[in-house]
């Protein structure tokens, strides 16, 4: 079983940057694909980014492509989301998640139903 320790969120102005991170407080990320999702008020939770066990070829939602970068450190069991050029529409509760992937180093799911473990959520507010 995986449990997360999440970084603090924050408030930033449009155009600003922020990095979110999750670490495994129990268990290891080694056998899991990792992802980030977000949920804004009044909207359903949506995919943001995911990275396979290998760390290669991450996937991104079109809305964040070119602005956000997902990365993982398997030795430290951490996953990060680096967010640049933030926009007001990026305001949301951000969730890290882990999907069991023992048989594949390249499995990079974007569907939240396949994720087995979830963080509690990190609030990000983008406002002037």
Foldseek 3Di string as FASTA:
>chain_A
DWAWDKDAADEEAAQAKDKIKIATPDDFQQQWKKFKWWDDPPDDIFGAKIAFNLQPDIDGDPVQPPFWDWGADRVRRMIMIIGGRDDQVVFTWMKMFIAGHNPDRGDTDGDPVRTDDMYPTHGYGYHD
